Amino acid sequence: MDEMKDRYLFKAKRTDNMEWVQGCCFTKYERFFIKDIQKSFATTIYNEPSVVDFNVRAYEVASNTICQCTGLKDKNGKLIWENDIMVAHLDDDYPEDETYIRIMWHGSGFCSKENGSEDIIPIDKFDREHFEVCGNIFDNPELLESEV
C-alpha cells in the first residue's frame, strides 16, 4: 500500500542551498541528513540505519525544517506533509472566502489547526476531500497570518 510507504518519508531544506529534499532521514554525529529512499531502501534494511551508503547521495538538512509525510493525499492527489498549509473554499455563496489549516503532529497523530482557531483535530476524510496543499509554514508563512 503506497500510503504506508509514503508515511515514512521525510523532507527538509538542505543546508547548502535551502532547497527541499525528501527521502529517508537519519542522524550522524548530531547532524541530520536525508537520502533518496528509493535508492537507499535496501541499504537501510541490511545495514544499520546510521551507516551512510556513499553510493547514494545524502544531503545535510536544517533540523528545524524536517517534516514527516502523513501518508495521506489532498483532494488533488498531492501528498500531505507535516507543516503544510492547506486551503479550501467551503462556502458556495462566498467563493472568495478561503479557509486555511496547518498540518501538525499533536499527541499521537497528524492533526489540523484552522487559521484563527485554537481547536486541533485529527485529519479526516473531509479535509482530504475538500482541502488542497497550497504551501508550508517555511515558504509561505503569510498564508497563516490573521485577517484584520
Foldseek 3Di string as FASTA:
>chain_A
DQLVVLQQKKWAAFPVPGDIDMAHWDDDPNWIKHWHNVVCVVVVVVDPVRDDDPVTDIGTGDPVGIWGWQSAAAQVRHTDIQQFKKWFQDDPVCSVDIWIWHWHDDDHHIWIDTQPDPDTGRDDPVRRNTIHGDGGCVPCVVVNDDDD
